[in-house]
């Protein structure tokens, strides 16, 4: 079973707020209902009861489902839905197993079209029930004033360590959706040629920022426009077998990380330690923690980073970067990782 499946989809949490103006497709106070269907990927560890015998599933997208969902959009960004799906999966060395899924999700609209979901459900398949936490991401398109079509993917994780996937598509009918407001009329053209002393395209009478540099774009008030720029820095250091000592060839990368932290003092760093699968999970847990702490201590001792800006955690062998199927792969998994991002405003330059 793929232990990092849930982490792979956690990119949903990495989507930043876009600040888009929501159109009629995200009016608040909207109710909707609609059908949905798609393939379902069972965990290879899932079992079912068939003729009083335990059966296993093929794994992968070996099942299919269809059902109904109903939801309510209580703000332009936030909403929720409830759903009920009929599920049918193929058993190994047997025919098939029937089941059902019912659950509830909280939805967040990142834009008019892109949304994310987080919720809980009960999945029953082959007379075996499990509770899951499900996370997903979807895209929707408005067909007309009342109908939307959508596609969505998700992954769910149970408290019994089952990881399962799904893809689906469907349509939604919205009750009482209002039409989009008509666009505002264009302003009347200027009758006389006004003065624009700094040549930024905004006349002096409306220019709140005179003498702007001609290389920068300006808004309707003549002030320089800014955009958000995200700068990301990633740190990865590999270790020798059964060692928490930082290799000498990794010092340059560690110094670059310290320089990044000094340049952006508002940032903190979380260092995650990992191991390969050689040894017990308990021993590897301690080793992964020692690796993370050794990097954190070096940032404090050797580069003067404040201790309170650094946190460390160990994940033992539970989050391999690559499968532990070869000597080379295990060497890649003996590592620490850290990732930092900062967003700053920079002036927008005119196109050349």
Protein backbone atom coordinates (compact mmCIF):
# COMPACT_ATOMS: atom_id res chain seq x y z
CA UNK A 1 0.00 0.00 0.00
CA UNK A 2 1.29 3.48 -0.85
CA UNK A 3 1.90 5.20 2.49
CA UNK A 4 2.41 8.65 1.02
CA UNK A 5 -0.80 8.77 -1.02
CA UNK A 6 -2.45 11.26 1.32
CA UNK A 7 0.63 13.50 1.33
CA UNK A 8 0.70 13.53 -2.48
CA UNK A 9 -2.74 15.13 -2.59
CA UNK A 10 -2.07 17.55 0.25
CA UNK A 11 -1.13 20.06 -2.40
CA UNK A 12 -4.68 21.13 -2.04
CA UNK A 13 -3.64 22.88 1.11
CA UNK A 14 -0.93 24.67 -0.84
CA UNK A 15 -3.36 26.55 -3.10
CA UNK A 16 -3.31 30.23 -2.14
CA UNK A 17 -6.28 32.59 -2.03
CA UNK A 18 -6.58 34.35 -5.38
CA UNK A 19 -8.77 37.28 -4.38
CA UNK A 20 -11.01 36.79 -7.43
CA UNK A 21 -14.38 38.54 -7.62
CA UNK A 22 -17.05 35.85 -7.55
CA UNK A 23 -19.64 35.93 -10.34
CA UNK A 24 -23.12 34.42 -10.44
CA UNK A 25 -21.76 30.86 -10.15
CA UNK A 26 -20.89 31.46 -6.48
CA UNK A 27 -23.85 33.49 -5.19
CA UNK A 28 -24.51 32.93 -1.50
CA UNK A 29 -27.73 31.34 -0.34
CA UNK A 30 -27.88 28.82 -3.23
CA UNK A 31 -29.22 25.28 -2.88
CA UNK A 32 -28.31 22.63 -5.43
CA UNK A 33 -28.81 18.93 -6.14
CA UNK A 34 -27.50 16.58 -8.81
CA UNK A 35 -26.24 13.12 -9.82
CA UNK A 36 -22.61 11.98 -9.89
CA UNK A 37 -20.67 8.90 -10.96
CA UNK A 38 -17.13 7.66 -11.54
CA UNK A 39 -14.47 5.02 -10.85
CA UNK A 40 -13.32 4.13 -7.34
CA UNK A 41 -9.90 2.75 -6.40
CA UNK A 42 -9.93 0.35 -3.45
CA UNK A 43 -6.96 -0.28 -1.19
CA UNK A 44 -5.32 -3.66 -1.78
CA UNK A 45 -5.65 -4.30 1.97
CA UNK A 46 -9.45 -3.95 1.90
CA UNK A 47 -11.40 -7.16 2.60
CA UNK A 48 -15.01 -8.16 2.04
CA UNK A 49 -17.26 -10.91 3.37
CA UNK A 50 -18.57 -13.13 0.59
CA UNK A 51 -20.46 -16.35 1.43
CA UNK A 52 -19.07 -16.18 4.98
CA UNK A 53 -15.50 -15.97 3.63
CA UNK A 54 -13.03 -13.12 3.62
CA UNK A 55 -12.24 -11.89 0.11
CA UNK A 56 -9.78 -9.27 -1.13
CA UNK A 57 -10.02 -6.71 -3.92
CA UNK A 58 -7.93 -6.38 -7.05
CA UNK A 59 -6.71 -2.91 -6.03
CA UNK A 60 -6.50 0.15 -8.25
CA UNK A 61 -9.61 1.54 -9.96
CA UNK A 62 -11.44 -1.77 -9.71
CA UNK A 63 -14.81 -0.37 -8.59
CA UNK A 64 -17.43 2.11 -9.75
CA UNK A 65 -20.08 4.24 -8.06
CA UNK A 66 -23.02 6.47 -8.78
CA UNK A 67 -25.18 8.56 -6.51
CA UNK A 68 -26.68 11.91 -5.55
CA UNK A 69 -25.39 14.98 -3.76
CA UNK A 70 -27.15 18.03 -2.32
CA UNK A 71 -25.49 21.18 -1.07
CA UNK A 72 -25.82 24.75 0.10
CA UNK A 73 -23.58 27.77 -0.67
CA UNK A 74 -23.84 29.94 2.44
CA UNK A 75 -21.13 32.47 1.40
CA UNK A 76 -19.43 33.10 -1.96
CA UNK A 77 -16.44 31.08 -0.73
CA UNK A 78 -17.87 28.49 1.69
CA UNK A 79 -20.48 25.78 1.31
CA UNK A 80 -21.24 22.21 2.27
CA UNK A 81 -22.81 19.12 0.72
CA UNK A 82 -24.15 15.72 1.70
CA UNK A 83 -24.01 12.73 -0.62
CA UNK A 84 -25.04 9.10 -0.99
CA UNK A 85 -23.32 6.78 -3.49
CA UNK A 86 -23.98 3.18 -4.52
CA UNK A 87 -20.67 1.29 -4.85
CA UNK A 88 -19.83 -1.93 -6.68
CA UNK A 89 -16.35 -3.52 -6.67
CA UNK A 90 -14.63 -6.56 -8.16
CA UNK A 91 -13.31 -9.22 -5.79
CA UNK A 92 -10.33 -11.45 -6.41
CA UNK A 93 -11.42 -14.99 -7.26
CA UNK A 94 -15.07 -13.99 -6.85
CA UNK A 95 -17.75 -12.01 -8.62
CA UNK A 96 -18.28 -8.65 -6.99
CA UNK A 97 -19.33 -6.86 -3.82
CA UNK A 98 -21.95 -4.16 -3.35
CA UNK A 99 -21.78 -1.26 -0.97
CA UNK A 100 -22.69 2.33 -0.27
CA UNK A 101 -21.04 5.55 0.80
CA UNK A 102 -22.67 8.41 2.67
CA UNK A 103 -20.91 11.48 3.99
CA UNK A 104 -20.66 15.24 4.30
CA UNK A 105 -18.06 17.67 2.91
CA UNK A 106 -17.13 21.30 3.52
CA UNK A 107 -16.39 23.09 0.21
CA UNK A 108 -14.18 26.14 -0.42
CA UNK A 109 -14.17 28.06 -3.72
CA UNK A 110 -10.69 29.24 -4.67
CA UNK A 111 -12.06 30.82 -7.89
CA UNK A 112 -15.35 30.72 -9.78
CA UNK A 113 -14.29 27.35 -11.21
CA UNK A 114 -11.75 25.75 -8.84
CA UNK A 115 -12.79 24.39 -5.45
CA UNK A 116 -11.54 22.09 -2.70
CA UNK A 117 -13.36 19.73 -0.34
CA UNK A 118 -12.76 18.19 3.09
CA UNK A 119 -15.13 15.82 4.85
CA UNK A 120 -15.92 12.54 6.52
CA UNK A 121 -17.86 9.52 5.30
CA UNK A 122 -18.81 5.95 6.02
CA UNK A 123 -17.88 3.53 3.25
CA UNK A 124 -19.48 0.08 3.35
CA UNK A 125 -18.33 -2.47 0.79
CA UNK A 126 -18.84 -6.22 0.97
CA UNK A 127 -20.51 -6.01 4.42
CA UNK A 128 -17.42 -4.28 5.89
CA UNK A 129 -17.76 -0.65 7.03
CA UNK A 130 -15.01 1.92 7.58
CA UNK A 131 -14.97 5.60 8.50
CA UNK A 132 -12.83 7.84 6.29
CA UNK A 133 -11.47 11.36 6.13
CA UNK A 134 -11.72 12.53 2.50
CA UNK A 135 -9.96 15.43 0.76
CA UNK A 136 -10.51 16.44 -2.86
CA UNK A 137 -10.24 19.09 -5.54
CA UNK A 138 -12.62 19.85 -8.39
CA UNK A 139 -13.34 22.03 -11.39
CA UNK A 140 -16.79 23.19 -12.42
CA UNK A 141 -18.19 25.04 -15.43
CA UNK A 142 -21.50 26.87 -15.62
CA UNK A 143 -23.66 25.65 -18.50
CA UNK A 144 -26.47 28.19 -18.00
CA UNK A 145 -28.14 30.10 -15.18
CA UNK A 146 -29.26 26.94 -13.34
CA UNK A 147 -26.93 24.10 -14.43
CA UNK A 148 -23.26 23.40 -13.67
CA UNK A 149 -21.11 20.46 -14.78
CA UNK A 150 -18.12 19.37 -12.68
CA UNK A 151 -15.22 16.94 -12.44
CA UNK A 152 -13.54 16.06 -9.16
CA UNK A 153 -10.84 13.82 -7.75
CA UNK A 154 -10.19 12.79 -4.17
CA UNK A 155 -8.43 10.51 -1.74
CA UNK A 156 -9.73 9.13 1.52
CA UNK A 157 -7.87 7.71 4.53
CA UNK A 158 -9.41 5.50 7.22
CA UNK A 159 -8.44 5.07 10.84
CA UNK A 160 -7.55 1.49 9.82
CA UNK A 161 -4.84 2.71 7.41
CA UNK A 162 -6.84 2.19 4.22
CA UNK A 163 -6.07 4.69 1.44
CA UNK A 164 -8.53 4.86 -1.47
CA UNK A 165 -9.05 7.09 -4.49
CA UNK A 166 -11.93 8.27 -6.63
CA UNK A 167 -12.68 10.29 -9.74
CA UNK A 168 -16.13 11.56 -10.58
CA UNK A 169 -18.16 13.79 -12.82
CA UNK A 170 -21.69 15.05 -12.54
CA UNK A 171 -24.12 17.95 -12.91
CA UNK A 172 -25.76 20.26 -10.38
CA UNK A 173 -29.07 22.09 -10.57
CA UNK A 174 -29.20 25.36 -8.60
CA UNK A 175 -32.44 26.64 -7.13
CA UNK A 176 -33.10 30.37 -7.31
CA UNK A 177 -29.77 31.37 -8.83
CA UNK A 178 -29.77 35.00 -9.92
CA UNK A 179 -28.36 36.19 -13.23
CA UNK A 180 -25.10 38.10 -13.40
CA UNK A 181 -25.41 41.89 -13.27
CA UNK A 182 -24.99 43.72 -16.57
CA UNK A 183 -21.57 45.26 -17.10
CA UNK A 184 -21.23 48.92 -16.21
CA UNK A 185 -21.33 51.27 -19.17
CA UNK A 186 -18.03 52.61 -20.45
CA UNK A 187 -17.15 56.11 -19.29
CA UNK A 188 -17.74 58.92 -21.74
CA UNK A 189 -14.65 59.95 -23.72
CA UNK A 190 -12.75 63.06 -22.75
CA UNK A 191 -13.76 66.03 -24.84
CA UNK A 192 -10.45 67.86 -24.61
CA UNK A 193 -6.84 66.73 -24.72
CA UNK A 194 -5.72 66.92 -21.04
CA UNK A 195 -2.17 67.29 -19.75
CA UNK A 196 -0.16 64.20 -18.74
CA UNK A 197 3.11 65.60 -17.42
CA UNK A 198 4.85 62.31 -16.51
CA UNK A 199 3.58 60.42 -19.58
CA UNK A 200 2.10 57.53 -17.62
CA UNK A 201 -1.25 57.64 -19.43
CA UNK A 202 -3.13 59.27 -16.52
CA UNK A 203 -3.95 62.97 -16.85
CA UNK A 204 -2.62 65.33 -14.21
CA UNK A 205 -6.13 66.03 -12.87
CA UNK A 206 -6.52 62.34 -11.90
CA UNK A 207 -2.86 61.52 -11.18
CA UNK A 208 -2.35 60.90 -7.43
CA UNK A 209 1.28 59.81 -7.94
CA UNK A 210 3.03 62.34 -10.21
CA UNK A 211 6.51 61.74 -11.66
CA UNK A 212 6.25 57.92 -11.72
CA UNK A 213 9.04 56.11 -13.57
CA UNK A 214 8.04 55.26 -17.16
CA UNK A 215 9.24 51.65 -16.81
CA UNK A 216 6.40 50.73 -14.41
CA UNK A 217 2.72 50.12 -15.04
CA UNK A 218 0.28 52.39 -13.23
CA UNK A 219 -3.38 52.11 -12.23
CA UNK A 220 -6.18 54.55 -12.97
CA UNK A 221 -4.87 56.96 -10.31
CA UNK A 222 -1.37 57.08 -11.83
CA UNK A 223 0.24 55.05 -9.01
CA UNK A 224 2.60 52.13 -9.62
CA UNK A 225 0.87 48.74 -9.77
CA UNK A 226 2.21 45.87 -7.68
CA UNK A 227 1.86 42.12 -7.93
CA UNK A 228 2.49 39.35 -5.45
CA UNK A 229 5.60 37.28 -6.14
CA UNK A 230 6.12 34.02 -4.26
CA UNK A 231 9.71 32.96 -3.58
CA UNK A 232 10.23 29.35 -2.51
CA UNK A 233 13.32 27.75 -0.98
CA UNK A 234 13.68 24.00 -0.46
CA UNK A 235 16.30 22.19 1.61
CA UNK A 236 17.13 18.49 1.25
CA UNK A 237 20.15 16.82 2.84
CA UNK A 238 20.96 13.11 2.48
CA UNK A 239 22.72 11.17 5.24
CA UNK A 240 24.97 8.15 5.40
CA UNK A 241 23.53 4.86 6.63
CA UNK A 242 22.59 4.93 10.34
CA UNK A 243 24.06 8.44 10.67
CA UNK A 244 22.75 11.84 11.77
CA UNK A 245 25.98 13.69 10.90
CA UNK A 246 25.61 16.34 8.21
CA UNK A 247 27.85 15.41 5.23
CA UNK A 248 30.46 18.03 4.33
CA UNK A 249 29.20 18.23 0.75
CA UNK A 250 25.82 19.49 2.04
CA UNK A 251 27.22 22.52 3.92
CA UNK A 252 26.77 24.87 0.95
CA UNK A 253 23.04 24.06 0.72
CA UNK A 254 22.66 24.53 4.47
CA UNK A 255 24.33 27.96 4.28
CA UNK A 256 21.99 28.99 1.45
CA UNK A 257 19.05 28.07 3.68
CA UNK A 258 20.48 30.17 6.53
CA UNK A 259 20.93 33.13 4.15
CA UNK A 260 17.29 32.77 3.03
CA UNK A 261 16.11 32.81 6.64
CA UNK A 262 18.19 35.91 7.37
CA UNK A 263 16.82 37.68 4.29
CA UNK A 264 13.23 36.96 5.38
CA UNK A 265 13.20 37.13 9.20
CA UNK A 266 9.42 36.72 9.29
CA UNK A 267 9.78 33.06 8.22
CA UNK A 268 10.11 29.99 10.42
CA UNK A 269 11.49 26.63 9.27
CA UNK A 270 10.14 23.12 9.95
CA UNK A 271 12.73 20.39 9.40
CA UNK A 272 11.41 16.88 8.68
CA UNK A 273 13.65 13.86 9.19
CA UNK A 274 13.30 10.53 7.33
CA UNK A 275 14.99 7.11 7.11
CA UNK A 276 15.01 4.09 4.84
CA UNK A 277 13.23 0.88 5.85
CA UNK A 278 16.25 -0.94 7.29
CA UNK A 279 15.81 -1.47 11.03
CA UNK A 280 12.76 -1.28 13.26
CA UNK A 281 10.23 1.51 13.01
CA UNK A 282 11.02 2.51 16.61
CA UNK A 283 14.75 2.80 15.99
CA UNK A 284 14.21 4.65 12.73
CA UNK A 285 11.89 7.07 14.53
CA UNK A 286 14.72 8.14 16.82
CA UNK A 287 17.19 8.29 13.94
CA UNK A 288 14.88 10.50 11.88
CA UNK A 289 14.45 12.87 14.83
CA UNK A 290 18.23 13.05 15.39
CA UNK A 291 18.79 13.93 11.73
CA UNK A 292 16.28 16.75 11.85
CA UNK A 293 17.71 18.07 15.14
CA UNK A 294 21.29 17.98 13.86
CA UNK A 295 20.33 20.30 10.98
CA UNK A 296 18.38 22.59 13.28
CA UNK A 297 21.27 22.78 15.75
CA UNK A 298 23.70 23.62 12.93
CA UNK A 299 21.49 26.51 11.79
CA UNK A 300 21.55 27.90 15.34
CA UNK A 301 25.19 27.21 16.23
CA UNK A 302 26.94 27.74 12.90
CA UNK A 303 24.76 30.39 11.22
CA UNK A 304 23.10 32.32 14.05
CA UNK A 305 19.46 31.50 13.30
CA UNK A 306 17.20 32.01 16.33
CA UNK A 307 16.18 28.77 18.05
CA UNK A 308 12.54 29.82 18.29
CA UNK A 309 12.30 29.98 14.48
CA UNK A 310 13.21 26.31 14.10
CA UNK A 311 11.07 23.21 14.70
CA UNK A 312 11.97 19.61 13.94
CA UNK A 313 10.03 16.37 13.54
CA UNK A 314 10.88 12.79 12.59
CA UNK A 315 8.78 10.49 10.42
CA UNK A 316 10.83 7.30 10.74
CA UNK A 317 10.48 5.27 7.50
CA UNK A 318 6.84 6.22 6.95
CA UNK A 319 7.28 8.83 4.21
CA UNK A 320 9.77 7.48 1.65
CA UNK A 321 10.69 9.75 -1.24
CA UNK A 322 11.02 6.70 -3.51
CA UNK A 323 10.23 3.00 -2.91
CA UNK A 324 12.85 1.24 -0.76
CA UNK A 325 13.53 -1.33 -3.47
CA UNK A 326 17.24 -0.77 -4.10
CA UNK A 327 20.41 0.47 -2.43
CA UNK A 328 20.26 3.71 -4.40
CA UNK A 329 16.62 4.35 -3.46
CA UNK A 330 17.28 3.73 0.22
CA UNK A 331 20.14 6.24 0.09
CA UNK A 332 17.70 8.83 -1.32
CA UNK A 333 15.26 8.16 1.54
CA UNK A 334 17.89 8.82 4.25
CA UNK A 335 17.25 12.55 4.33
CA UNK A 336 15.81 15.69 5.87
CA UNK A 337 13.49 18.05 4.03
CA UNK A 338 12.31 21.61 4.60
CA UNK A 339 10.36 24.00 2.40
CA UNK A 340 9.74 27.72 2.89
CA UNK A 341 7.79 30.23 0.84
CA UNK A 342 7.39 33.99 1.15
CA UNK A 343 5.16 36.33 -0.83
CA UNK A 344 6.18 39.94 -1.41
CA UNK A 345 4.95 42.83 -3.51
CA UNK A 346 7.03 43.89 -6.50
CA UNK A 347 6.28 46.67 -9.02
CA UNK A 348 4.87 45.60 -12.37
CA UNK A 349 7.07 46.64 -15.28
CA UNK A 350 5.78 47.76 -18.66
CA UNK A 351 6.03 45.20 -21.44
CA UNK A 352 8.96 45.85 -23.74
